[in-house]
Each structure stands twice: as structure tokens, then as C-alpha cells.
Amino acid sequence: MTDAPNKKFRKEMNAGTASLVMLSVLGSASEPMYGYQIAKIVTQKGSMMKQGALYPVLRSLDSIGLLESFVEPSVAGPPRRYYRITQLGRDTLLEWLEIWEQTKNFVDVAVKGIEND
């Protein structure tokens, strides 16, 4: 069997969960974080997301007001863009977590139903 269906499925799953993951990471952060810090946390948790895919998601969340960002000079290297979750982002995260639970429960029930047939 070709790996193409698996790649497509993984890509679609990542696209659907990346925003939730980014909001969750920043929602539990005690201070603003820059992209590489976020990528490191996501990678440590075993994410299938590629680091380069995180930045468009962060920019998108910033553009719709769920995150806010600012740039600060770096001691070593180029300036860094830091992100922090907004109140709207926190409210949205709670809603998305509820939707995620409902989706996860539905998929679990559906898959178990198929397995038992």
C-alpha cells in the first residue's frame, strides 16, 4: 500500500489541530514565548507537525486576535517575535477544547463500533 493516503490523512489532522495546540501551549505559558520555544515544546510532546508549519499558524492566530505578538532584539542573532495569548484566545481555547472533547468522543465511539462489527 502506498504511503500517500497516510500522508494526506496526517496533513489534514495536523491542519485541524495545529491552532488548538498553539493556543494550548501559549495558554499554559507563564510568559510570552517566541516561535522556537513553542516548537521545542510541541516537538517534546511528540507532535507530528513540522517546525516550519508552526509559524503560519501563529501568524494566523495573531491576525484574528487570539494571540498578540511583539518583536524584541535578541542578544545573539536576529530579533525575536514573541507571542502571548489574548483574553479572546483564552475564551476561544475553552470553546475549542470542548469541541475537541466532543469530536474525540464521537470518533472513539464510531471507531469502536466499526471494530465490534
N, C-alpha and C. Protein backbone atom coordinates (compact mmCIF):
# COMPACT_ATOMS: atom_id res chain seq x y z
N MET A 1 0.84 -1.19 0.00
CA MET A 1 0.00 0.00 0.00
C MET A 1 0.88 1.24 0.00
N THR A 2 0.49 2.22 -0.76
CA THR A 2 1.25 3.46 -0.86
C THR A 2 1.08 4.30 0.41
N ASP A 3 2.05 5.14 0.69
CA ASP A 3 2.02 5.99 1.88
C ASP A 3 1.21 7.26 1.64
N ALA A 4 0.78 7.51 0.41
CA ALA A 4 0.06 8.75 0.07
C ALA A 4 -1.20 8.95 0.92
N PRO A 5 -2.04 7.93 1.12
CA PRO A 5 -3.22 8.15 1.97
C PRO A 5 -2.85 8.53 3.40
N ASN A 6 -1.78 7.91 3.92
CA ASN A 6 -1.34 8.23 5.28
C ASN A 6 -0.85 9.67 5.38
N LYS A 7 -0.08 10.10 4.39
CA LYS A 7 0.42 11.48 4.37
C LYS A 7 -0.74 12.47 4.31
N LYS A 8 -1.71 12.18 3.46
CA LYS A 8 -2.87 13.06 3.31
C LYS A 8 -3.65 13.14 4.61
N PHE A 9 -3.89 12.00 5.24
CA PHE A 9 -4.62 11.95 6.50
C PHE A 9 -3.88 12.72 7.58
N ARG A 10 -2.58 12.52 7.67
CA ARG A 10 -1.75 13.21 8.68
C ARG A 10 -1.78 14.72 8.45
N LYS A 11 -1.69 15.13 7.19
CA LYS A 11 -1.70 16.56 6.86
C LYS A 11 -3.03 17.19 7.27
N GLU A 12 -4.13 16.49 6.98
CA GLU A 12 -5.44 17.01 7.34
C GLU A 12 -5.63 17.05 8.86
N MET A 13 -5.14 16.05 9.55
CA MET A 13 -5.23 16.04 11.01
C MET A 13 -4.41 17.18 11.61
N ASN A 14 -3.21 17.38 11.11
CA ASN A 14 -2.36 18.47 11.61
C ASN A 14 -3.00 19.82 11.37
N ALA A 15 -3.57 20.01 10.19
CA ALA A 15 -4.21 21.29 9.86
C ALA A 15 -5.36 21.56 10.82
N GLY A 16 -6.05 20.54 11.22
CA GLY A 16 -7.20 20.72 12.09
C GLY A 16 -6.86 20.90 13.55
N THR A 17 -5.68 20.48 13.95
CA THR A 17 -5.32 20.54 15.37
C THR A 17 -4.23 21.55 15.72
N ALA A 18 -3.54 22.06 14.74
CA ALA A 18 -2.40 22.95 15.00
C ALA A 18 -2.80 24.19 15.79
N SER A 19 -3.90 24.80 15.43
CA SER A 19 -4.34 26.01 16.14
C SER A 19 -4.68 25.70 17.59
N LEU A 20 -5.34 24.59 17.82
CA LEU A 20 -5.68 24.18 19.18
C LEU A 20 -4.42 23.95 20.01
N VAL A 21 -3.44 23.30 19.41
CA VAL A 21 -2.19 23.03 20.10
C VAL A 21 -1.45 24.33 20.43
N MET A 22 -1.38 25.24 19.47
CA MET A 22 -0.68 26.51 19.71
C MET A 22 -1.35 27.31 20.83
N LEU A 23 -2.68 27.40 20.80
CA LEU A 23 -3.39 28.11 21.86
C LEU A 23 -3.17 27.43 23.21
N SER A 24 -3.17 26.11 23.23
CA SER A 24 -2.96 25.38 24.48
C SER A 24 -1.58 25.64 25.06
N VAL A 25 -0.57 25.59 24.21
CA VAL A 25 0.80 25.84 24.68
C VAL A 25 0.91 27.25 25.25
N LEU A 26 0.40 28.23 24.51
CA LEU A 26 0.51 29.62 24.97
C LEU A 26 -0.45 29.90 26.12
N GLY A 27 -1.55 29.17 26.18
CA GLY A 27 -2.48 29.33 27.29
C GLY A 27 -1.92 28.86 28.61
N SER A 28 -1.00 27.92 28.58
CA SER A 28 -0.40 27.43 29.82
C SER A 28 0.97 28.06 30.10
N ALA A 29 1.41 28.94 29.21
CA ALA A 29 2.72 29.60 29.41
C ALA A 29 2.58 30.73 30.42
N SER A 30 3.60 30.90 31.24
CA SER A 30 3.58 31.96 32.24
C SER A 30 4.10 33.29 31.69
N GLU A 31 4.70 33.24 30.52
CA GLU A 31 5.22 34.46 29.90
C GLU A 31 5.19 34.30 28.38
N PRO A 32 5.32 35.41 27.64
CA PRO A 32 5.33 35.30 26.17
C PRO A 32 6.46 34.38 25.71
N MET A 33 6.23 33.74 24.58
CA MET A 33 7.20 32.80 24.02
C MET A 33 7.47 33.13 22.57
N TYR A 34 8.68 32.83 22.11
CA TYR A 34 8.97 33.01 20.69
C TYR A 34 8.85 31.66 19.99
N GLY A 35 8.78 31.71 18.68
CA GLY A 35 8.47 30.55 17.86
C GLY A 35 9.29 29.31 18.17
N TYR A 36 10.59 29.46 18.32
CA TYR A 36 11.43 28.29 18.55
C TYR A 36 11.10 27.64 19.89
N GLN A 37 10.81 28.45 20.91
CA GLN A 37 10.43 27.89 22.22
C GLN A 37 9.15 27.06 22.09
N ILE A 38 8.19 27.60 21.36
CA ILE A 38 6.92 26.90 21.16
C ILE A 38 7.17 25.60 20.39
N ALA A 39 7.97 25.68 19.34
CA ALA A 39 8.28 24.49 18.53
C ALA A 39 8.94 23.41 19.38
N LYS A 40 9.83 23.82 20.27
CA LYS A 40 10.52 22.87 21.14
C LYS A 40 9.54 22.12 22.04
N ILE A 41 8.61 22.84 22.62
CA ILE A 41 7.60 22.22 23.49
C ILE A 41 6.74 21.26 22.69
N VAL A 42 6.28 21.70 21.54
CA VAL A 42 5.42 20.87 20.71
C VAL A 42 6.16 19.61 20.27
N THR A 43 7.41 19.75 19.90
CA THR A 43 8.22 18.61 19.47
C THR A 43 8.45 17.63 20.62
N GLN A 44 8.71 18.16 21.82
CA GLN A 44 8.93 17.30 23.00
C GLN A 44 7.69 16.47 23.32
N LYS A 45 6.53 16.99 22.99
CA LYS A 45 5.29 16.28 23.28
C LYS A 45 4.95 15.27 22.17
N GLY A 46 5.85 15.13 21.20
CA GLY A 46 5.68 14.10 20.19
C GLY A 46 4.83 14.52 19.00
N SER A 47 4.79 15.81 18.71
CA SER A 47 3.98 16.30 17.61
C SER A 47 4.47 15.78 16.27
N MET A 48 3.53 15.60 15.37
CA MET A 48 3.86 15.22 14.00
C MET A 48 4.03 16.47 13.14
N MET A 49 3.81 17.65 13.73
CA MET A 49 3.91 18.90 12.98
C MET A 49 5.36 19.26 12.72
N LYS A 50 5.61 19.77 11.54
CA LYS A 50 6.95 20.25 11.22
C LYS A 50 7.09 21.66 11.78
N GLN A 51 8.31 21.99 12.21
CA GLN A 51 8.55 23.30 12.83
C GLN A 51 8.13 24.44 11.92
N GLY A 52 8.42 24.34 10.64
CA GLY A 52 8.08 25.40 9.70
C GLY A 52 6.59 25.63 9.57
N ALA A 53 5.79 24.61 9.89
CA ALA A 53 4.33 24.73 9.80
C ALA A 53 3.75 25.52 10.96
N LEU A 54 4.52 25.69 12.03
CA LEU A 54 4.01 26.40 13.20
C LEU A 54 3.87 27.89 12.96
N TYR A 55 4.79 28.46 12.23
CA TYR A 55 4.80 29.92 12.06
C TYR A 55 3.58 30.46 11.33
N PRO A 56 3.12 29.82 10.25
CA PRO A 56 1.89 30.31 9.63
C PRO A 56 0.68 30.23 10.57
N VAL A 57 0.65 29.20 11.41
CA VAL A 57 -0.45 29.07 12.37
C VAL A 57 -0.38 30.20 13.39
N LEU A 58 0.81 30.47 13.91
CA LEU A 58 0.98 31.56 14.87
C LEU A 58 0.57 32.90 14.26
N ARG A 59 0.99 33.14 13.03
CA ARG A 59 0.62 34.40 12.36
C ARG A 59 -0.88 34.50 12.15
N SER A 60 -1.50 33.39 11.79
CA SER A 60 -2.94 33.38 11.58
C SER A 60 -3.69 33.67 12.88
N LEU A 61 -3.28 33.02 13.97
CA LEU A 61 -3.92 33.25 15.26
C LEU A 61 -3.72 34.69 15.73
N ASP A 62 -2.56 35.24 15.43
CA ASP A 62 -2.27 36.64 15.75
C ASP A 62 -3.17 37.57 14.94
N SER A 63 -3.35 37.27 13.67
CA SER A 63 -4.12 38.15 12.78
C SER A 63 -5.61 38.19 13.14
N ILE A 64 -6.12 37.14 13.80
CA ILE A 64 -7.53 37.14 14.17
C ILE A 64 -7.75 37.49 15.65
N GLY A 65 -6.68 37.89 16.32
CA GLY A 65 -6.81 38.41 17.68
C GLY A 65 -6.77 37.38 18.80
N LEU A 66 -6.45 36.12 18.48
CA LEU A 66 -6.37 35.11 19.53
C LEU A 66 -5.01 35.14 20.22
N LEU A 67 -4.03 35.65 19.52
CA LEU A 67 -2.70 35.88 20.07
C LEU A 67 -2.32 37.33 19.78
N GLU A 68 -1.36 37.82 20.54
CA GLU A 68 -0.75 39.09 20.19
C GLU A 68 0.75 38.86 20.16
N SER A 69 1.43 39.64 19.35
CA SER A 69 2.87 39.44 19.21
C SER A 69 3.60 40.76 19.27
N PHE A 70 4.87 40.66 19.61
CA PHE A 70 5.75 41.83 19.61
C PHE A 70 7.16 41.35 19.33
N VAL A 71 7.97 42.23 18.81
CA VAL A 71 9.34 41.88 18.45
C VAL A 71 10.29 42.53 19.44
N GLU A 72 11.28 41.75 19.89
CA GLU A 72 12.31 42.26 20.78
C GLU A 72 13.68 41.88 20.23
N PRO A 73 14.65 42.76 20.42
CA PRO A 73 16.01 42.41 19.98
C PRO A 73 16.52 41.18 20.73
N SER A 74 17.36 40.45 20.08
CA SER A 74 17.96 39.26 20.69
C SER A 74 19.43 39.54 20.97
N VAL A 75 19.94 39.00 22.06
CA VAL A 75 21.35 39.16 22.40
C VAL A 75 22.22 38.50 21.34
N ALA A 76 21.78 37.34 20.89
CA ALA A 76 22.51 36.61 19.86
C ALA A 76 21.57 36.34 18.69
N GLY A 77 21.86 36.92 17.57
CA GLY A 77 21.05 36.67 16.39
C GLY A 77 20.02 37.75 16.11
N PRO A 78 19.13 37.45 15.19
CA PRO A 78 18.13 38.45 14.78
C PRO A 78 17.07 38.68 15.87
N PRO A 79 16.29 39.73 15.75
CA PRO A 79 15.22 39.98 16.72
C PRO A 79 14.24 38.81 16.74
N ARG A 80 13.58 38.64 17.87
CA ARG A 80 12.63 37.53 18.02
C ARG A 80 11.22 38.07 18.17
N ARG A 81 10.27 37.37 17.53
CA ARG A 81 8.86 37.71 17.68
C ARG A 81 8.30 36.83 18.80
N TYR A 82 7.77 37.48 19.81
CA TYR A 82 7.16 36.79 20.95
C TYR A 82 5.65 36.79 20.80
N TYR A 83 5.03 35.72 21.29
CA TYR A 83 3.58 35.57 21.22
C TYR A 83 3.04 35.35 22.62
N ARG A 84 1.84 35.90 22.85
CA ARG A 84 1.10 35.60 24.08
C ARG A 84 -0.37 35.51 23.73
N ILE A 85 -1.08 34.72 24.49
CA ILE A 85 -2.49 34.51 24.24
C ILE A 85 -3.28 35.72 24.77
N THR A 86 -4.32 36.11 24.06
CA THR A 86 -5.18 37.21 24.48
C THR A 86 -6.37 36.64 25.27
N GLN A 87 -7.17 37.51 25.84
CA GLN A 87 -8.37 37.03 26.54
C GLN A 87 -9.31 36.34 25.56
N LEU A 88 -9.44 36.93 24.37
CA LEU A 88 -10.25 36.28 23.33
C LEU A 88 -9.69 34.89 23.02
N GLY A 89 -8.36 34.77 22.98
CA GLY A 89 -7.72 33.48 22.75
C GLY A 89 -8.03 32.49 23.86
N ARG A 90 -8.02 32.95 25.11
CA ARG A 90 -8.34 32.07 26.25
C ARG A 90 -9.79 31.58 26.17
N ASP A 91 -10.70 32.51 25.86
CA ASP A 91 -12.11 32.15 25.73
C ASP A 91 -12.31 31.15 24.58
N THR A 92 -11.64 31.42 23.47
CA THR A 92 -11.74 30.54 22.31
C THR A 92 -11.13 29.17 22.62
N LEU A 93 -10.03 29.15 23.33
CA LEU A 93 -9.39 27.89 23.71
C LEU A 93 -10.36 27.01 24.50
N LEU A 94 -11.07 27.59 25.45
CA LEU A 94 -12.04 26.81 26.22
C LEU A 94 -13.12 26.22 25.32
N GLU A 95 -13.61 27.02 24.38
CA GLU A 95 -14.62 26.53 23.44
C GLU A 95 -14.04 25.42 22.55
N TRP A 96 -12.83 25.63 22.04
CA TRP A 96 -12.21 24.63 21.17
C TRP A 96 -11.93 23.33 21.91
N LEU A 97 -11.55 23.43 23.21
CA LEU A 97 -11.31 22.21 23.98
C LEU A 97 -12.59 21.41 24.16
N GLU A 98 -13.70 22.11 24.32
CA GLU A 98 -14.99 21.42 24.42
C GLU A 98 -15.34 20.74 23.09
N ILE A 99 -15.13 21.46 22.00
CA ILE A 99 -15.38 20.88 20.67
C ILE A 99 -14.46 19.68 20.44
N TRP A 100 -13.20 19.80 20.85
CA TRP A 100 -12.24 18.70 20.70
C TRP A 100 -12.72 17.46 21.46
N GLU A 101 -13.17 17.65 22.70
CA GLU A 101 -13.67 16.53 23.50
C GLU A 101 -14.84 15.85 22.81
N GLN A 102 -15.78 16.66 22.31
CA GLN A 102 -16.93 16.10 21.62
C GLN A 102 -16.50 15.32 20.38
N THR A 103 -15.57 15.89 19.62
CA THR A 103 -15.08 15.24 18.40
C THR A 103 -14.36 13.94 18.75
N LYS A 104 -13.50 14.02 19.74
CA LYS A 104 -12.74 12.84 20.17
C LYS A 104 -13.68 11.73 20.62
N ASN A 105 -14.69 12.08 21.42
CA ASN A 105 -15.65 11.08 21.89
C ASN A 105 -16.42 10.47 20.73
N PHE A 106 -16.84 11.31 19.79
CA PHE A 106 -17.56 10.80 18.62
C PHE A 106 -16.71 9.82 17.82
N VAL A 107 -15.46 10.20 17.56
CA VAL A 107 -14.57 9.33 16.78
C VAL A 107 -14.31 8.03 17.53
N ASP A 108 -14.08 8.12 18.85
CA ASP A 108 -13.85 6.90 19.64
C ASP A 108 -15.04 5.95 19.54
N VAL A 109 -16.25 6.48 19.68
CA VAL A 109 -17.45 5.65 19.61
C VAL A 109 -17.59 5.05 18.21
N ALA A 110 -17.38 5.88 17.20
CA ALA A 110 -17.52 5.40 15.81
C ALA A 110 -16.50 4.32 15.50
N VAL A 111 -15.26 4.52 15.89
CA VAL A 111 -14.20 3.55 15.60
C VAL A 111 -14.45 2.27 16.37
N LYS A 112 -14.83 2.36 17.63
CA LYS A 112 -15.13 1.15 18.42
C LYS A 112 -16.30 0.40 17.83
N GLY A 113 -17.28 1.13 17.31
CA GLY A 113 -18.42 0.49 16.66
C GLY A 113 -18.01 -0.29 15.44
N ILE A 114 -17.08 0.27 14.68
CA ILE A 114 -16.57 -0.41 13.48
C ILE A 114 -15.78 -1.64 13.88
N GLU A 115 -14.95 -1.51 14.93
CA GLU A 115 -14.13 -2.63 15.38
C GLU A 115 -14.98 -3.79 15.88
N ASN A 116 -16.15 -3.47 16.47
CA ASN A 116 -17.01 -4.52 17.04
C ASN A 116 -17.91 -5.17 16.00
N ASP A 117 -17.97 -4.63 14.81
CA ASP A 117 -18.82 -5.21 13.74
C ASP A 117 -18.21 -6.47 13.17
